[in-house]
Amino acid sequence: MIKVKNLKRVYVMGKVEVRALKGVSFDIEKGEFVGIIGPSGSGKSTLLHQLGLLDTPTSGEIMIAGVDVIGLSEHEKTIFRLNRLGYVFQEYAILPELTAVENVYLPSMMIGKKRERYLKTSIDILETVGLGERLYHRPHELSGGEQQRVAVARALVNKPKILFADEPCANLDTESSRHILELFKKLNEELGQTILMVSHEEWHKKYVDRIIYLKDGLIEKM
């Protein structure tokens, strides 16, 4: 599913080079739920941004489902992201002026699906994540945990091959975090969803199949 070889990312800030990733290599199999764990500054989010095509590595290789994604043009990357990848961020990143269902079907609108189809799919997914009675509520009418479930539903609406989650519980209390992690586990076990999740919480480990530990831009163990 994902093959990473000698991946490096160097940021140039004035006269200073920040080596966020120093050469990491690993494989992710289809249907795995993998945690990426490490201290602040270890390169966790940087790694996820490279894999999710949100940033371009300095060097190295990334193959996703047999596609050399680094070699894609910017337009091709956009299409690849919309059709094959889903994202959940710690700050929810849902639009305040839209209802839950409108936030969810937005990615489907962007790739030109028919309204009848994407509306039904969005409602079905919101029901799956436990928000069937909150379809037409706006973000300010939802709790933090509910907003994050809207974000999860939006990430799944185009049936992505891979779901990337960057500290999805960072802004949630323990109970809401548990609900989100249990939802991820359900999606992984029942739908075979491949998930890569960045976290810094040790107790999150019990939900994933295996862990890649990062430290100072390198894999410490996995």
Protein backbone atom coordinates (compact mmCIF):
# COMPACT_ATOMS: atom_id res chain seq x y z
CA MET A 1 0.00 0.00 0.00
CA ILE A 2 2.70 2.52 1.06
CA LYS A 3 6.43 2.12 0.48
CA VAL A 4 8.81 4.77 1.81
CA LYS A 5 12.54 4.73 1.10
CA ASN A 6 15.18 7.04 2.56
CA LEU A 7 12.77 9.96 2.92
CA LYS A 8 14.34 13.30 3.86
CA ARG A 9 12.88 16.76 4.43
CA VAL A 10 15.10 19.80 5.00
CA TYR A 11 13.63 23.22 5.65
CA VAL A 12 15.81 26.26 4.96
CA MET A 13 15.10 29.12 7.35
CA GLY A 14 17.41 31.99 6.46
CA LYS A 15 20.92 30.63 6.91
CA VAL A 16 19.73 27.71 9.03
CA GLU A 17 18.84 24.23 7.75
CA VAL A 18 16.32 22.27 9.78
CA ARG A 19 16.55 18.55 9.04
CA ALA A 20 13.03 17.46 9.98
CA LEU A 21 13.41 13.99 8.40
CA LYS A 22 16.86 12.47 8.05
CA GLY A 23 16.16 9.37 5.97
CA VAL A 24 13.27 7.13 6.99
CA SER A 25 12.20 3.89 5.32
CA PHE A 26 9.22 1.61 6.01
CA ASP A 27 6.23 -0.16 4.44
CA ILE A 28 2.55 0.05 5.35
CA GLU A 29 0.29 -2.83 4.33
CA LYS A 30 -3.29 -2.44 3.15
CA GLY A 31 -5.73 -2.50 6.08
CA GLU A 32 -3.17 -1.64 8.76
CA PHE A 33 -3.84 0.86 11.55
CA VAL A 34 -0.41 2.34 12.24
CA GLY A 35 0.51 4.85 14.93
CA ILE A 36 3.35 7.33 14.47
CA ILE A 37 4.59 8.32 17.91
CA GLY A 38 7.42 10.48 19.18
CA PRO A 39 8.25 13.61 21.17
CA SER A 40 7.66 17.15 19.89
CA GLY A 41 10.04 17.95 17.06
CA SER A 42 10.61 14.31 16.14
CA GLY A 43 9.22 14.76 12.62
CA LYS A 44 5.82 13.08 13.07
CA SER A 45 3.64 15.69 11.37
CA THR A 46 6.32 16.37 8.76
CA LEU A 47 6.28 12.68 7.83
CA LEU A 48 2.49 12.62 7.57
CA HIS A 49 2.52 15.72 5.37
CA GLN A 50 4.93 14.05 2.95
CA LEU A 51 2.87 10.86 2.78
CA GLY A 52 -0.36 12.83 2.38
CA LEU A 53 1.07 14.92 -0.49
CA LEU A 54 0.65 18.12 1.52
CA ASP A 55 4.37 18.86 1.24
CA THR A 56 7.22 17.77 -1.04
CA PRO A 57 10.19 15.87 0.40
CA THR A 58 13.74 17.02 -0.23
CA SER A 59 14.68 13.53 -1.39
CA GLY A 60 13.62 9.92 -1.14
CA GLU A 61 10.80 7.78 -2.53
CA ILE A 62 7.10 7.40 -1.74
CA MET A 63 5.02 4.78 -3.52
CA ILE A 64 1.27 4.63 -2.77
CA ALA A 65 -0.72 1.80 -4.31
CA GLY A 66 2.03 1.38 -6.90
CA VAL A 67 2.12 5.06 -7.85
CA ASP A 68 5.29 7.16 -7.57
CA VAL A 69 3.48 10.11 -5.98
CA ILE A 70 6.53 12.37 -5.77
CA GLY A 71 6.72 12.35 -9.55
CA LEU A 72 3.15 13.59 -10.00
CA SER A 73 2.43 17.14 -11.16
CA GLU A 74 0.66 19.48 -8.72
CA HIS A 75 -2.63 18.95 -10.57
CA GLU A 76 -2.18 15.19 -10.49
CA LYS A 77 -1.42 15.35 -6.76
CA THR A 78 -4.65 17.29 -6.18
CA ILE A 79 -6.69 14.67 -8.02
CA PHE A 80 -4.87 11.86 -6.21
CA ARG A 81 -5.59 13.45 -2.82
CA LEU A 82 -9.27 14.00 -3.58
CA ASN A 83 -9.85 10.46 -4.83
CA ARG A 84 -7.54 8.31 -2.75
CA LEU A 85 -6.59 10.05 0.50
CA GLY A 86 -8.54 11.30 3.50
CA TYR A 87 -7.33 13.71 6.20
CA VAL A 88 -8.28 14.43 9.80
CA PHE A 89 -6.47 17.30 11.55
CA GLN A 90 -6.30 18.26 15.20
CA GLU A 91 -8.09 21.59 14.63
CA TYR A 92 -11.07 19.89 12.84
CA ALA A 93 -10.75 22.25 9.79
CA ILE A 94 -14.47 22.28 9.06
CA LEU A 95 -16.19 25.38 7.69
CA PRO A 96 -18.25 27.28 10.31
CA GLU A 97 -20.91 28.55 7.89
CA LEU A 98 -21.79 25.05 6.62
CA THR A 99 -23.91 22.35 8.25
CA ALA A 100 -22.44 18.98 9.15
CA VAL A 101 -23.72 17.33 5.98
CA GLU A 102 -22.55 20.23 3.79
CA ASN A 103 -19.05 20.00 5.28
CA VAL A 104 -18.99 16.29 4.58
CA TYR A 105 -20.11 16.37 0.95
CA LEU A 106 -17.84 19.26 -0.06
CA PRO A 107 -14.99 16.98 -1.31
CA SER A 108 -17.48 15.02 -3.43
CA MET A 109 -18.76 18.22 -4.99
CA MET A 110 -15.20 19.14 -5.89
CA ILE A 111 -14.74 16.03 -8.02
CA GLY A 112 -18.09 16.46 -9.76
CA LYS A 113 -20.22 13.70 -8.26
CA LYS A 114 -23.99 14.03 -8.64
CA ARG A 115 -25.84 15.71 -5.78
CA GLU A 116 -28.21 12.81 -5.17
CA ARG A 117 -25.30 10.43 -4.82
CA TYR A 118 -23.04 12.55 -2.61
CA LEU A 119 -25.91 13.65 -0.37
CA LYS A 120 -26.93 10.05 0.36
CA THR A 121 -23.31 8.99 0.90
CA SER A 122 -22.70 11.90 3.29
CA ILE A 123 -25.80 11.14 5.34
CA ASP A 124 -24.87 7.45 5.51
CA ILE A 125 -21.36 8.27 6.74
CA LEU A 126 -22.61 10.75 9.34
CA GLU A 127 -24.94 8.04 10.62
CA THR A 128 -21.98 5.64 10.75
CA VAL A 129 -20.01 8.06 12.95
CA GLY A 130 -23.00 8.62 15.24
CA LEU A 131 -24.25 11.98 13.97
CA GLY A 132 -27.41 10.93 12.18
CA GLU A 133 -29.45 13.37 14.26
CA ARG A 134 -27.03 16.28 13.80
CA LEU A 135 -26.95 16.46 10.01
CA TYR A 136 -28.07 20.07 9.72
CA HIS A 137 -26.28 21.52 12.75
CA ARG A 138 -23.47 23.99 12.21
CA PRO A 139 -20.11 23.64 14.01
CA HIS A 140 -21.00 26.12 16.77
CA GLU A 141 -23.91 23.84 17.67
CA LEU A 142 -21.66 20.79 18.02
CA SER A 143 -19.25 19.69 20.73
CA GLY A 144 -15.54 19.32 19.98
CA GLY A 145 -15.91 15.57 19.71
CA GLU A 146 -18.86 15.93 17.35
CA GLN A 147 -16.96 18.40 15.18
CA GLN A 148 -14.09 15.94 14.92
CA ARG A 149 -16.53 13.20 13.89
CA VAL A 150 -17.78 15.51 11.13
CA ALA A 151 -14.13 15.85 10.05
CA VAL A 152 -13.77 12.05 10.06
CA ALA A 153 -16.93 11.67 7.97
CA ARG A 154 -15.67 14.27 5.49
CA ALA A 155 -12.35 12.41 5.23
CA LEU A 156 -14.21 9.20 4.36
CA VAL A 157 -16.80 10.55 1.91
CA ASN A 158 -14.80 9.73 -1.23
CA LYS A 159 -13.90 6.28 0.14
CA PRO A 160 -10.15 6.92 0.40
CA LYS A 161 -7.59 4.16 0.25
CA ILE A 162 -5.74 5.73 3.18
CA LEU A 163 -6.90 7.86 6.11
CA PHE A 164 -4.28 10.21 7.61
CA ALA A 165 -4.95 11.56 11.11
CA ASP A 166 -2.61 14.20 12.56
CA GLU A 167 -3.07 14.41 16.35
CA PRO A 168 -6.87 13.98 15.93
CA CYS A 169 -7.45 14.01 19.70
CA ALA A 170 -5.17 16.91 20.62
CA ASN A 171 -8.06 19.32 21.27
CA LEU A 172 -10.40 16.79 22.86
CA ASP A 173 -10.98 15.62 26.43
CA THR A 174 -10.25 12.02 27.36
CA GLU A 175 -13.79 10.75 26.82
CA SER A 176 -14.16 12.41 23.40
CA SER A 177 -10.71 11.13 22.44
CA ARG A 178 -11.75 7.61 23.33
CA HIS A 179 -14.83 7.91 21.12
CA ILE A 180 -12.72 9.04 18.15
CA LEU A 181 -10.16 6.27 18.63
CA GLU A 182 -12.88 3.65 18.98
CA LEU A 183 -14.41 4.99 15.77
CA PHE A 184 -11.06 4.66 13.97
CA LYS A 185 -10.71 1.10 15.27
CA LYS A 186 -14.22 0.27 14.06
CA LEU A 187 -13.50 1.69 10.60
CA ASN A 188 -10.26 -0.28 10.47
CA GLU A 189 -11.74 -3.59 11.60
CA GLU A 190 -15.13 -3.48 9.86
CA LEU A 191 -14.25 -1.65 6.63
CA GLY A 192 -10.58 -2.58 6.32
CA GLN A 193 -9.66 1.12 6.29
CA THR A 194 -5.91 1.77 6.20
CA ILE A 195 -5.10 4.43 8.82
CA LEU A 196 -1.93 6.31 9.74
CA MET A 197 -2.30 8.32 12.93
CA VAL A 198 0.16 10.71 14.56
CA SER A 199 -0.06 10.85 18.34
CA HIS A 200 2.03 11.70 21.38
CA GLU A 201 -0.22 9.93 23.90
CA GLU A 202 1.02 6.58 25.17
CA TRP A 203 -2.48 5.31 25.97
CA HIS A 204 -3.45 5.58 22.30
CA LYS A 205 -1.14 2.65 21.53
CA LYS A 206 -3.73 0.02 22.40
CA TYR A 207 -5.91 1.05 19.45
CA VAL A 208 -3.33 0.56 16.68
CA ASP A 209 -1.87 -2.56 15.07
CA ARG A 210 1.72 -1.38 15.31
CA ILE A 211 3.77 1.73 16.00
CA ILE A 212 6.53 3.61 14.22
CA TYR A 213 8.55 5.52 16.81
CA LEU A 214 10.29 8.66 15.58
CA LYS A 215 13.02 10.63 17.31
CA ASP A 216 15.02 13.53 15.89
CA GLY A 217 13.85 12.84 12.33
CA LEU A 218 14.78 9.16 12.37
CA ILE A 219 12.94 5.91 13.09
CA GLU A 220 13.94 4.84 16.58
CA LYS A 221 12.08 1.53 16.39
CA MET A 222 8.99 -0.05 14.82
